[in-house]
Amino acid sequence: MTGAVLLVLLAVEGFTILRVGRLLTLHFFLGMLLLAPVALKAGSVTYRFFRYYAGSVPYRRKGPPAPLLRVLGPVVMLLTVCVFGTGVMLAIVGPSGRQPWLFYHKAAFILWFGAMAIHVLAYIPRLPRLLSAEVRGTVLPRGSGRRQSVDGRPVTRAARVLGGRGVRLSLLVASLVAGLVIALLTVHLAGAWESPGPRG
C-alpha cells in the first residue's frame, strides 16, 4: 500500500520538475509531504531485511528478491536519502546558500531516477497482485476467529495484531498526516525561492 501511494505521489512530484519554475511551491510542498511516507517505506524495507537475515522462518520461506534487486535496494535507499536530504538542505539554506546543495540535489536525483526506474519496472507488474493479496490476506472468514495468510497458513495472534491490514493502513495514514503537517509548517520557506531577483 505504501509503495503504491508513493508511486502516485512521486509521479506528481516528477511532473512538477517539468515546470519547476512555475510549480516550485508545489514541488517543495510535495517533497516535504513525502518525507514521512518515504521514512515509513524505508522502515518497512529495513525491518524485512533484518527479519530475513535474522533467520525468521516466514521471511526465509518467501526468499530474497532477485539478485539485481538485492544489490539495487541499498543503492535506492542511499540515493533516496541523498535526494530528500539535499532538498531539505536547499529549503533551509535558501537561494543565497544554494551551492553546492543544488548541484548535489540534481546529481542525486539523476542517479536516483535511474535506480528507481529499474526498481519500479521490476515491481510494477506485481503491484495489482500485491494489492489484491493485501485485501484478501487479512480478511477474517465469517464465523471464524482465525485469520489465514495468503498461502493459507494460520496467522499467529501477534502477527494479526502487528501485521494486520488495519495497522498497516493506520501507519500509512499517520505518515501522510505527518507529512502534510511537515509540508504545511515548511511551505513558507519556498517563498524565498519565489522572490524576484537573480537566481543564476
N, C-alpha and C. Protein backbone atom coordinates (compact mmCIF):
# COMPACT_ATOMS: atom_id res chain seq x y z
N MET A 1 0.83 -1.20 0.00
CA MET A 1 0.00 0.00 0.00
C MET A 1 0.87 1.25 0.00
N THR A 2 1.88 1.23 0.83
CA THR A 2 2.76 2.40 0.91
C THR A 2 3.48 2.64 -0.41
N GLY A 3 3.95 1.56 -1.01
CA GLY A 3 4.63 1.68 -2.30
C GLY A 3 3.72 2.25 -3.38
N ALA A 4 2.47 1.82 -3.39
CA ALA A 4 1.52 2.31 -4.39
C ALA A 4 1.25 3.80 -4.19
N VAL A 5 1.08 4.22 -2.94
CA VAL A 5 0.85 5.64 -2.66
C VAL A 5 2.08 6.46 -3.04
N LEU A 6 3.26 5.95 -2.70
CA LEU A 6 4.50 6.64 -3.06
C LEU A 6 4.65 6.76 -4.56
N LEU A 7 4.28 5.72 -5.28
CA LEU A 7 4.38 5.75 -6.74
C LEU A 7 3.57 6.91 -7.32
N VAL A 8 2.36 7.10 -6.82
CA VAL A 8 1.50 8.18 -7.30
C VAL A 8 2.08 9.54 -6.92
N LEU A 9 2.45 9.70 -5.64
CA LEU A 9 2.97 10.99 -5.18
C LEU A 9 4.29 11.35 -5.86
N LEU A 10 5.14 10.37 -6.05
CA LEU A 10 6.43 10.63 -6.73
C LEU A 10 6.21 10.97 -8.20
N ALA A 11 5.19 10.37 -8.82
CA ALA A 11 4.88 10.71 -10.22
C ALA A 11 4.44 12.16 -10.32
N VAL A 12 3.61 12.61 -9.38
CA VAL A 12 3.18 14.02 -9.37
C VAL A 12 4.37 14.93 -9.10
N GLU A 13 5.22 14.54 -8.16
CA GLU A 13 6.42 15.32 -7.88
C GLU A 13 7.32 15.39 -9.11
N GLY A 14 7.42 14.29 -9.83
CA GLY A 14 8.21 14.29 -11.07
C GLY A 14 7.62 15.22 -12.11
N PHE A 15 6.29 15.29 -12.18
CA PHE A 15 5.65 16.19 -13.14
C PHE A 15 6.00 17.65 -12.83
N THR A 16 6.11 17.99 -11.55
CA THR A 16 6.44 19.38 -11.20
C THR A 16 7.83 19.78 -11.69
N ILE A 17 8.71 18.79 -11.87
CA ILE A 17 10.06 19.10 -12.34
C ILE A 17 10.03 19.65 -13.76
N LEU A 18 9.04 19.20 -14.56
CA LEU A 18 8.95 19.65 -15.95
C LEU A 18 8.67 21.14 -16.04
N ARG A 19 8.01 21.70 -15.01
CA ARG A 19 7.73 23.14 -14.96
C ARG A 19 8.08 23.68 -13.58
N VAL A 20 9.31 23.37 -13.17
CA VAL A 20 9.69 23.68 -11.79
C VAL A 20 9.66 25.19 -11.53
N GLY A 21 9.87 26.01 -12.54
CA GLY A 21 9.80 27.45 -12.34
C GLY A 21 8.42 27.90 -11.90
N ARG A 22 7.39 27.34 -12.53
CA ARG A 22 6.01 27.70 -12.19
C ARG A 22 5.45 26.87 -11.04
N LEU A 23 5.95 25.66 -10.89
CA LEU A 23 5.40 24.75 -9.89
C LEU A 23 6.36 24.52 -8.72
N LEU A 24 7.23 25.49 -8.48
CA LEU A 24 8.25 25.32 -7.44
C LEU A 24 7.63 25.12 -6.06
N THR A 25 6.61 25.90 -5.73
CA THR A 25 5.98 25.76 -4.42
C THR A 25 5.34 24.38 -4.27
N LEU A 26 4.66 23.90 -5.33
CA LEU A 26 4.07 22.56 -5.28
C LEU A 26 5.16 21.50 -5.17
N HIS A 27 6.26 21.68 -5.91
CA HIS A 27 7.39 20.75 -5.84
C HIS A 27 7.92 20.69 -4.40
N PHE A 28 8.09 21.85 -3.81
CA PHE A 28 8.58 21.95 -2.44
C PHE A 28 7.60 21.29 -1.47
N PHE A 29 6.31 21.61 -1.62
CA PHE A 29 5.28 21.09 -0.72
C PHE A 29 5.22 19.57 -0.79
N LEU A 30 5.21 19.01 -2.00
CA LEU A 30 5.15 17.56 -2.15
C LEU A 30 6.41 16.88 -1.62
N GLY A 31 7.56 17.52 -1.84
CA GLY A 31 8.80 16.96 -1.33
C GLY A 31 8.78 16.82 0.18
N MET A 32 8.27 17.85 0.85
CA MET A 32 8.17 17.80 2.31
C MET A 32 7.10 16.79 2.76
N LEU A 33 5.98 16.76 2.03
CA LEU A 33 4.92 15.80 2.36
C LEU A 33 5.41 14.36 2.25
N LEU A 34 6.29 14.11 1.29
CA LEU A 34 6.79 12.76 1.04
C LEU A 34 7.75 12.26 2.12
N LEU A 35 8.29 13.17 2.92
CA LEU A 35 9.30 12.75 3.90
C LEU A 35 8.82 11.63 4.81
N ALA A 36 7.62 11.77 5.36
CA ALA A 36 7.13 10.75 6.30
C ALA A 36 6.77 9.43 5.62
N PRO A 37 6.01 9.43 4.49
CA PRO A 37 5.76 8.15 3.82
C PRO A 37 7.03 7.45 3.34
N VAL A 38 8.02 8.23 2.89
CA VAL A 38 9.29 7.63 2.47
C VAL A 38 9.98 7.00 3.67
N ALA A 39 9.93 7.68 4.82
CA ALA A 39 10.53 7.11 6.03
C ALA A 39 9.81 5.82 6.44
N LEU A 40 8.48 5.80 6.29
CA LEU A 40 7.72 4.59 6.60
C LEU A 40 8.14 3.44 5.69
N LYS A 41 8.27 3.71 4.41
CA LYS A 41 8.67 2.67 3.45
C LYS A 41 10.09 2.17 3.76
N ALA A 42 10.98 3.10 4.08
CA ALA A 42 12.36 2.72 4.42
C ALA A 42 12.38 1.86 5.67
N GLY A 43 11.55 2.21 6.66
CA GLY A 43 11.47 1.42 7.88
C GLY A 43 10.95 0.02 7.61
N SER A 44 9.93 -0.07 6.74
CA SER A 44 9.35 -1.36 6.40
C SER A 44 10.38 -2.26 5.69
N VAL A 45 11.09 -1.68 4.74
CA VAL A 45 12.09 -2.44 3.99
C VAL A 45 13.22 -2.89 4.92
N THR A 46 13.66 -1.98 5.80
CA THR A 46 14.73 -2.31 6.73
C THR A 46 14.30 -3.43 7.69
N TYR A 47 13.05 -3.36 8.14
CA TYR A 47 12.50 -4.40 9.03
C TYR A 47 12.52 -5.76 8.33
N ARG A 48 12.04 -5.80 7.09
CA ARG A 48 12.02 -7.08 6.35
C ARG A 48 13.44 -7.60 6.11
N PHE A 49 14.36 -6.67 5.82
CA PHE A 49 15.76 -7.03 5.61
C PHE A 49 16.33 -7.74 6.84
N PHE A 50 16.13 -7.13 8.02
CA PHE A 50 16.68 -7.71 9.24
C PHE A 50 15.97 -9.00 9.61
N ARG A 51 14.67 -9.09 9.40
CA ARG A 51 13.96 -10.33 9.70
C ARG A 51 14.48 -11.48 8.83
N TYR A 52 14.73 -11.18 7.55
CA TYR A 52 15.23 -12.22 6.65
C TYR A 52 16.61 -12.69 7.09
N TYR A 53 17.53 -11.73 7.34
CA TYR A 53 18.90 -12.13 7.68
C TYR A 53 19.03 -12.61 9.12
N ALA A 54 18.01 -12.37 9.96
CA ALA A 54 18.00 -12.93 11.32
C ALA A 54 17.46 -14.35 11.32
N GLY A 55 17.02 -14.83 10.15
CA GLY A 55 16.58 -16.22 10.03
C GLY A 55 15.12 -16.47 10.32
N SER A 56 14.29 -15.43 10.32
CA SER A 56 12.85 -15.61 10.56
C SER A 56 12.27 -16.54 9.49
N VAL A 57 11.58 -17.59 9.94
CA VAL A 57 11.12 -18.64 9.03
C VAL A 57 10.20 -18.11 7.92
N PRO A 58 9.18 -17.31 8.22
CA PRO A 58 8.31 -16.84 7.13
C PRO A 58 9.06 -16.01 6.08
N TYR A 59 10.02 -15.22 6.54
CA TYR A 59 10.79 -14.39 5.61
C TYR A 59 11.74 -15.25 4.80
N ARG A 60 12.34 -16.27 5.44
CA ARG A 60 13.21 -17.20 4.73
C ARG A 60 12.41 -18.01 3.71
N ARG A 61 11.19 -18.41 4.09
CA ARG A 61 10.35 -19.20 3.20
C ARG A 61 10.01 -18.41 1.94
N LYS A 62 9.71 -17.13 2.13
CA LYS A 62 9.39 -16.29 0.98
C LYS A 62 10.59 -16.11 0.07
N GLY A 63 11.78 -16.07 0.66
CA GLY A 63 13.00 -15.95 -0.12
C GLY A 63 13.38 -14.50 -0.40
N PRO A 64 14.61 -14.32 -0.87
CA PRO A 64 15.10 -12.97 -1.14
C PRO A 64 14.61 -12.47 -2.50
N PRO A 65 14.75 -11.17 -2.74
CA PRO A 65 14.45 -10.65 -4.09
C PRO A 65 15.46 -11.19 -5.10
N ALA A 66 15.20 -10.91 -6.36
CA ALA A 66 16.14 -11.29 -7.42
C ALA A 66 17.50 -10.63 -7.14
N PRO A 67 18.60 -11.24 -7.60
CA PRO A 67 19.95 -10.71 -7.29
C PRO A 67 20.12 -9.23 -7.63
N LEU A 68 19.65 -8.81 -8.81
CA LEU A 68 19.80 -7.40 -9.19
C LEU A 68 19.07 -6.49 -8.20
N LEU A 69 17.86 -6.89 -7.79
CA LEU A 69 17.10 -6.07 -6.86
C LEU A 69 17.71 -6.07 -5.46
N ARG A 70 18.38 -7.16 -5.09
CA ARG A 70 19.07 -7.20 -3.79
C ARG A 70 20.22 -6.20 -3.78
N VAL A 71 20.94 -6.09 -4.89
CA VAL A 71 22.04 -5.14 -4.99
C VAL A 71 21.49 -3.72 -5.09
N LEU A 72 20.41 -3.57 -5.84
CA LEU A 72 19.85 -2.25 -6.10
C LEU A 72 19.18 -1.64 -4.87
N GLY A 73 18.63 -2.48 -4.00
CA GLY A 73 17.88 -1.99 -2.84
C GLY A 73 18.65 -0.98 -1.99
N PRO A 74 19.84 -1.33 -1.49
CA PRO A 74 20.60 -0.36 -0.69
C PRO A 74 20.96 0.90 -1.48
N VAL A 75 21.18 0.76 -2.78
CA VAL A 75 21.50 1.93 -3.62
C VAL A 75 20.30 2.87 -3.68
N VAL A 76 19.12 2.30 -3.88
CA VAL A 76 17.89 3.11 -3.91
C VAL A 76 17.69 3.82 -2.58
N MET A 77 17.91 3.09 -1.47
CA MET A 77 17.76 3.69 -0.14
C MET A 77 18.73 4.86 0.05
N LEU A 78 19.99 4.65 -0.29
CA LEU A 78 21.01 5.69 -0.11
C LEU A 78 20.70 6.91 -0.97
N LEU A 79 20.35 6.67 -2.24
CA LEU A 79 20.05 7.78 -3.14
C LEU A 79 18.78 8.52 -2.72
N THR A 80 17.81 7.79 -2.18
CA THR A 80 16.60 8.44 -1.68
C THR A 80 16.93 9.39 -0.54
N VAL A 81 17.79 8.94 0.38
CA VAL A 81 18.23 9.81 1.48
C VAL A 81 18.95 11.04 0.91
N CYS A 82 19.77 10.84 -0.11
CA CYS A 82 20.51 11.96 -0.71
C CYS A 82 19.57 12.96 -1.37
N VAL A 83 18.59 12.48 -2.14
CA VAL A 83 17.66 13.38 -2.83
C VAL A 83 16.86 14.19 -1.82
N PHE A 84 16.27 13.52 -0.85
CA PHE A 84 15.44 14.24 0.11
C PHE A 84 16.28 15.06 1.08
N GLY A 85 17.43 14.54 1.45
CA GLY A 85 18.31 15.30 2.35
C GLY A 85 18.80 16.60 1.74
N THR A 86 19.23 16.54 0.47
CA THR A 86 19.69 17.76 -0.19
C THR A 86 18.52 18.72 -0.45
N GLY A 87 17.33 18.17 -0.69
CA GLY A 87 16.14 19.01 -0.85
C GLY A 87 15.83 19.77 0.42
N VAL A 88 15.91 19.09 1.56
CA VAL A 88 15.69 19.74 2.85
C VAL A 88 16.76 20.80 3.10
N MET A 89 18.00 20.49 2.76
CA MET A 89 19.07 21.48 2.93
C MET A 89 18.82 22.72 2.07
N LEU A 90 18.33 22.54 0.85
CA LEU A 90 18.01 23.68 0.00
C LEU A 90 16.92 24.54 0.63
N ALA A 91 15.96 23.89 1.27
CA ALA A 91 14.89 24.64 1.95
C ALA A 91 15.46 25.45 3.12
N ILE A 92 16.42 24.87 3.81
CA ILE A 92 16.98 25.53 5.00
C ILE A 92 17.89 26.69 4.60
N VAL A 93 18.80 26.46 3.63
CA VAL A 93 19.80 27.49 3.30
C VAL A 93 19.23 28.57 2.37
N GLY A 94 18.18 28.24 1.62
CA GLY A 94 17.59 29.23 0.72
C GLY A 94 18.43 29.48 -0.51
N PRO A 95 17.97 30.37 -1.38
CA PRO A 95 18.67 30.62 -2.66
C PRO A 95 20.08 31.15 -2.46
N SER A 96 20.31 31.92 -1.42
CA SER A 96 21.63 32.52 -1.24
C SER A 96 22.70 31.48 -0.91
N GLY A 97 22.30 30.37 -0.30
CA GLY A 97 23.27 29.33 0.04
C GLY A 97 23.09 28.07 -0.76
N ARG A 98 22.51 28.23 -1.96
CA ARG A 98 22.10 27.03 -2.73
C ARG A 98 23.26 26.18 -3.20
N GLN A 99 24.43 26.74 -3.41
CA GLN A 99 25.58 25.95 -3.85
C GLN A 99 26.35 25.48 -2.62
N PRO A 100 26.78 24.24 -2.56
CA PRO A 100 26.72 23.21 -3.61
C PRO A 100 25.47 22.33 -3.54
N TRP A 101 24.51 22.69 -2.65
CA TRP A 101 23.37 21.81 -2.41
C TRP A 101 22.50 21.59 -3.65
N LEU A 102 22.38 22.64 -4.47
CA LEU A 102 21.56 22.49 -5.68
C LEU A 102 22.21 21.49 -6.64
N PHE A 103 23.52 21.57 -6.77
CA PHE A 103 24.24 20.61 -7.62
C PHE A 103 24.06 19.19 -7.07
N TYR A 104 24.24 19.02 -5.76
CA TYR A 104 24.10 17.70 -5.15
C TYR A 104 22.67 17.16 -5.35
N HIS A 105 21.69 18.05 -5.19
CA HIS A 105 20.28 17.64 -5.34
C HIS A 105 20.02 17.14 -6.76
N LYS A 106 20.49 17.89 -7.74
CA LYS A 106 20.27 17.48 -9.14
C LYS A 106 21.01 16.19 -9.47
N ALA A 107 22.27 16.10 -9.02
CA ALA A 107 23.06 14.90 -9.31
C ALA A 107 22.45 13.67 -8.63
N ALA A 108 22.03 13.83 -7.37
CA ALA A 108 21.41 12.70 -6.66
C ALA A 108 20.12 12.29 -7.33
N PHE A 109 19.35 13.28 -7.80
CA PHE A 109 18.09 12.96 -8.46
C PHE A 109 18.32 12.15 -9.74
N ILE A 110 19.30 12.55 -10.54
CA ILE A 110 19.57 11.83 -11.80
C ILE A 110 19.93 10.38 -11.51
N LEU A 111 20.81 10.16 -10.54
CA LEU A 111 21.19 8.79 -10.18
C LEU A 111 20.00 8.03 -9.58
N TRP A 112 19.24 8.71 -8.72
CA TRP A 112 18.07 8.09 -8.09
C TRP A 112 17.03 7.70 -9.13
N PHE A 113 16.81 8.57 -10.10
CA PHE A 113 15.81 8.29 -11.13
C PHE A 113 16.17 7.03 -11.91
N GLY A 114 17.45 6.87 -12.24
CA GLY A 114 17.89 5.67 -12.96
C GLY A 114 17.67 4.41 -12.13
N ALA A 115 18.05 4.47 -10.85
CA ALA A 115 17.88 3.31 -9.98
C ALA A 115 16.40 3.01 -9.75
N MET A 116 15.61 4.05 -9.54
CA MET A 116 14.17 3.86 -9.29
C MET A 116 13.45 3.33 -10.53
N ALA A 117 13.90 3.74 -11.71
CA ALA A 117 13.27 3.24 -12.94
C ALA A 117 13.38 1.72 -13.00
N ILE A 118 14.56 1.19 -12.69
CA ILE A 118 14.75 -0.27 -12.68
C ILE A 118 13.88 -0.90 -11.59
N HIS A 119 13.88 -0.29 -10.41
CA HIS A 119 13.09 -0.81 -9.28
C HIS A 119 11.59 -0.84 -9.62
N VAL A 120 11.08 0.24 -10.17
CA VAL A 120 9.65 0.32 -10.49
C VAL A 120 9.29 -0.66 -11.61
N LEU A 121 10.12 -0.73 -12.64
CA LEU A 121 9.84 -1.65 -13.75
C LEU A 121 9.84 -3.10 -13.27
N ALA A 122 10.65 -3.40 -12.24
CA ALA A 122 10.69 -4.77 -11.72
C ALA A 122 9.44 -5.10 -10.90
N TYR A 123 8.90 -4.10 -10.19
CA TYR A 123 7.80 -4.36 -9.26
C TYR A 123 6.42 -3.98 -9.80
N ILE A 124 6.34 -3.10 -10.78
CA ILE A 124 5.01 -2.64 -11.22
C ILE A 124 4.14 -3.76 -11.78
N PRO A 125 4.69 -4.77 -12.47
CA PRO A 125 3.81 -5.86 -12.92
C PRO A 125 3.19 -6.64 -11.75
N ARG A 126 3.87 -6.64 -10.59
CA ARG A 126 3.38 -7.37 -9.42
C ARG A 126 2.39 -6.55 -8.59
N LEU A 127 2.31 -5.25 -8.86
CA LEU A 127 1.53 -4.37 -8.00
C LEU A 127 0.06 -4.78 -7.88
N PRO A 128 -0.64 -5.08 -8.98
CA PRO A 128 -2.04 -5.49 -8.83
C PRO A 128 -2.20 -6.74 -7.96
N ARG A 129 -1.29 -7.72 -8.14
CA ARG A 129 -1.36 -8.95 -7.35
C ARG A 129 -1.06 -8.68 -5.88
N LEU A 130 -0.07 -7.81 -5.63
CA LEU A 130 0.28 -7.49 -4.25
C LEU A 130 -0.84 -6.74 -3.54
N LEU A 131 -1.48 -5.81 -4.24
CA LEU A 131 -2.59 -5.07 -3.64
C LEU A 131 -3.79 -5.99 -3.41
N SER A 132 -4.00 -6.91 -4.35
CA SER A 132 -5.09 -7.88 -4.19
C SER A 132 -4.82 -8.79 -3.00
N ALA A 133 -3.57 -9.23 -2.85
CA ALA A 133 -3.20 -10.08 -1.71
C ALA A 133 -3.34 -9.32 -0.40
N GLU A 134 -3.09 -8.02 -0.44
CA GLU A 134 -3.25 -7.19 0.76
C GLU A 134 -4.70 -7.20 1.22
N VAL A 135 -5.61 -7.14 0.27
CA VAL A 135 -7.03 -7.17 0.61
C VAL A 135 -7.46 -8.56 1.05
N ARG A 136 -7.08 -9.58 0.28
CA ARG A 136 -7.51 -10.94 0.58
C ARG A 136 -6.82 -11.53 1.79
N GLY A 137 -5.57 -11.19 2.01
CA GLY A 137 -4.75 -11.85 3.02
C GLY A 137 -5.11 -11.53 4.45
N THR A 138 -5.94 -10.54 4.67
CA THR A 138 -6.24 -10.16 6.05
C THR A 138 -7.72 -10.23 6.35
N VAL A 139 -8.48 -10.88 5.50
CA VAL A 139 -9.92 -10.98 5.71
C VAL A 139 -10.24 -12.13 6.63
N LEU A 140 -11.04 -11.88 7.63
CA LEU A 140 -11.48 -12.96 8.53
C LEU A 140 -12.64 -13.72 7.90
N PRO A 141 -12.54 -15.04 7.75
CA PRO A 141 -13.68 -15.79 7.27
C PRO A 141 -14.85 -15.65 8.23
N ARG A 142 -16.07 -15.64 7.71
CA ARG A 142 -17.26 -15.49 8.54
C ARG A 142 -17.34 -16.63 9.55
N GLY A 143 -17.63 -16.28 10.80
CA GLY A 143 -17.80 -17.29 11.84
C GLY A 143 -16.50 -17.87 12.34
N SER A 144 -15.37 -17.28 11.91
CA SER A 144 -14.08 -17.82 12.33
C SER A 144 -13.33 -16.77 13.11
N GLY A 145 -12.61 -17.19 14.11
CA GLY A 145 -11.79 -16.26 14.88
C GLY A 145 -10.36 -16.27 14.41
N ARG A 146 -10.07 -17.01 13.36
CA ARG A 146 -8.69 -17.14 12.91
C ARG A 146 -8.51 -16.54 11.53
N ARG A 147 -7.39 -15.93 11.34
CA ARG A 147 -7.05 -15.40 10.04
C ARG A 147 -6.10 -16.36 9.35
N GLN A 148 -6.11 -16.29 8.04
CA GLN A 148 -5.14 -17.07 7.28
C GLN A 148 -4.35 -16.14 6.39
N SER A 149 -3.10 -16.49 6.19
CA SER A 149 -2.28 -15.71 5.28
C SER A 149 -2.68 -16.05 3.86
N VAL A 150 -2.06 -15.36 2.91
CA VAL A 150 -2.40 -15.56 1.51
C VAL A 150 -2.14 -17.00 1.08
N ASP A 151 -1.12 -17.63 1.66
CA ASP A 151 -0.81 -19.01 1.27
C ASP A 151 -1.63 -20.04 2.05
N GLY A 152 -2.58 -19.59 2.88
CA GLY A 152 -3.48 -20.49 3.57
C GLY A 152 -3.02 -20.94 4.94
N ARG A 153 -1.81 -20.54 5.37
CA ARG A 153 -1.32 -20.94 6.69
C ARG A 153 -1.97 -20.08 7.77
N PRO A 154 -2.23 -20.64 8.94
CA PRO A 154 -2.78 -19.83 10.03
C PRO A 154 -1.79 -18.74 10.45
N VAL A 155 -2.33 -17.61 10.85
CA VAL A 155 -1.51 -16.49 11.29
C VAL A 155 -1.62 -16.39 12.80
N THR A 156 -0.48 -16.22 13.47
CA THR A 156 -0.48 -16.14 14.92
C THR A 156 -1.15 -14.86 15.38
N ARG A 157 -1.52 -14.84 16.67
CA ARG A 157 -2.19 -13.65 17.23
C ARG A 157 -1.27 -12.43 17.13
N ALA A 158 0.02 -12.60 17.44
CA ALA A 158 0.96 -11.48 17.36
C ALA A 158 1.05 -10.94 15.93
N ALA A 159 1.07 -11.86 14.97
CA ALA A 159 1.14 -11.42 13.57
C ALA A 159 -0.13 -10.69 13.17
N ARG A 160 -1.28 -11.15 13.72
CA ARG A 160 -2.55 -10.47 13.40
C ARG A 160 -2.53 -9.05 13.92
N VAL A 161 -2.01 -8.89 15.15
CA VAL A 161 -2.00 -7.56 15.76
C VAL A 161 -1.01 -6.64 15.06
N LEU A 162 0.21 -7.14 14.87
CA LEU A 162 1.28 -6.30 14.33
C LEU A 162 1.25 -6.23 12.81
N GLY A 163 0.77 -7.27 12.16
CA GLY A 163 0.85 -7.31 10.71
C GLY A 163 -0.47 -7.18 10.00
N GLY A 164 -1.53 -6.85 10.73
CA GLY A 164 -2.84 -6.75 10.11
C GLY A 164 -2.96 -5.55 9.20
N ARG A 165 -3.91 -5.64 8.29
CA ARG A 165 -4.14 -4.56 7.34
C ARG A 165 -4.49 -3.26 8.05
N GLY A 166 -5.25 -3.36 9.16
CA GLY A 166 -5.63 -2.15 9.90
C GLY A 166 -4.42 -1.39 10.41
N VAL A 167 -3.44 -2.12 10.94
CA VAL A 167 -2.22 -1.48 11.44
C VAL A 167 -1.45 -0.86 10.29
N ARG A 168 -1.32 -1.60 9.19
CA ARG A 168 -0.58 -1.07 8.04
C ARG A 168 -1.26 0.17 7.48
N LEU A 169 -2.58 0.12 7.37
CA LEU A 169 -3.32 1.27 6.87
C LEU A 169 -3.20 2.45 7.82
N SER A 170 -3.26 2.18 9.12
CA SER A 170 -3.12 3.25 10.11
C SER A 170 -1.75 3.91 10.02
N LEU A 171 -0.71 3.10 9.86
CA LEU A 171 0.64 3.65 9.73
C LEU A 171 0.77 4.50 8.47
N LEU A 172 0.17 4.04 7.38
CA LEU A 172 0.22 4.79 6.13
C LEU A 172 -0.50 6.13 6.28
N VAL A 173 -1.70 6.10 6.85
CA VAL A 173 -2.47 7.34 7.04
C VAL A 173 -1.71 8.28 7.98
N ALA A 174 -1.15 7.73 9.06
CA ALA A 174 -0.39 8.55 10.01
C ALA A 174 0.81 9.19 9.33
N SER A 175 1.48 8.44 8.46
CA SER A 175 2.65 9.01 7.76
C SER A 175 2.22 10.13 6.81
N LEU A 176 1.07 9.95 6.16
CA LEU A 176 0.58 11.01 5.26
C LEU A 176 0.18 12.25 6.05
N VAL A 177 -0.45 12.05 7.19
CA VAL A 177 -0.82 13.19 8.03
C VAL A 177 0.44 13.90 8.54
N ALA A 178 1.42 13.11 8.99
CA ALA A 178 2.68 13.70 9.47
C ALA A 178 3.37 14.46 8.34
N GLY A 179 3.37 13.88 7.15
CA GLY A 179 3.97 14.56 6.00
C GLY A 179 3.24 15.85 5.67
N LEU A 180 1.92 15.81 5.76
CA LEU A 180 1.13 17.01 5.48
C LEU A 180 1.44 18.11 6.50
N VAL A 181 1.58 17.74 7.76
CA VAL A 181 1.93 18.72 8.79
C VAL A 181 3.30 19.32 8.50
N ILE A 182 4.28 18.48 8.17
CA ILE A 182 5.62 18.97 7.83
C ILE A 182 5.54 19.94 6.65
N ALA A 183 4.79 19.55 5.62
CA ALA A 183 4.68 20.38 4.43
C ALA A 183 4.03 21.72 4.75
N LEU A 184 2.97 21.70 5.54
CA LEU A 184 2.27 22.95 5.89
C LEU A 184 3.13 23.85 6.75
N LEU A 185 3.94 23.27 7.62
CA LEU A 185 4.80 24.06 8.50
C LEU A 185 6.01 24.64 7.78
N THR A 186 6.38 24.05 6.65
CA THR A 186 7.62 24.48 5.97
C THR A 186 7.38 25.13 4.60
N VAL A 187 6.15 25.11 4.11
CA VAL A 187 5.92 25.61 2.74
C VAL A 187 6.29 27.08 2.60
N HIS A 188 6.24 27.83 3.70
CA HIS A 188 6.61 29.25 3.63
C HIS A 188 8.07 29.44 3.21
N LEU A 189 8.91 28.42 3.44
CA LEU A 189 10.32 28.52 3.05
C LEU A 189 10.49 28.59 1.53
N ALA A 190 9.51 28.10 0.80
CA ALA A 190 9.59 28.18 -0.66
C ALA A 190 9.47 29.61 -1.15
N GLY A 191 8.93 30.50 -0.32
CA GLY A 191 8.77 31.90 -0.71
C GLY A 191 10.07 32.56 -1.09
N ALA A 192 11.15 32.20 -0.40
CA ALA A 192 12.45 32.80 -0.72
C ALA A 192 12.89 32.46 -2.14
N TRP A 193 12.53 31.25 -2.59
CA TRP A 193 12.88 30.84 -3.94
C TRP A 193 11.97 31.48 -4.99
N GLU A 194 10.78 31.90 -4.57
CA GLU A 194 9.83 32.54 -5.49
C GLU A 194 10.08 34.03 -5.62
N SER A 195 10.88 34.60 -4.71
CA SER A 195 11.10 36.04 -4.73
C SER A 195 11.81 36.46 -6.00
N PRO A 196 11.48 37.65 -6.53
CA PRO A 196 12.20 38.13 -7.72
C PRO A 196 13.65 38.40 -7.40
N GLY A 197 14.45 38.30 -8.40
CA GLY A 197 15.89 38.56 -8.23
C GLY A 197 16.68 37.53 -8.99
N PRO A 198 18.01 37.72 -9.10
CA PRO A 198 18.85 36.79 -9.86
C PRO A 198 18.92 35.44 -9.19
N ARG A 199 18.77 34.39 -9.98
CA ARG A 199 18.84 33.02 -9.44
C ARG A 199 20.05 32.25 -9.97
N GLY A 200 20.65 32.72 -11.01
CA GLY A 200 21.81 32.02 -11.55
C GLY A 200 21.39 30.86 -12.39
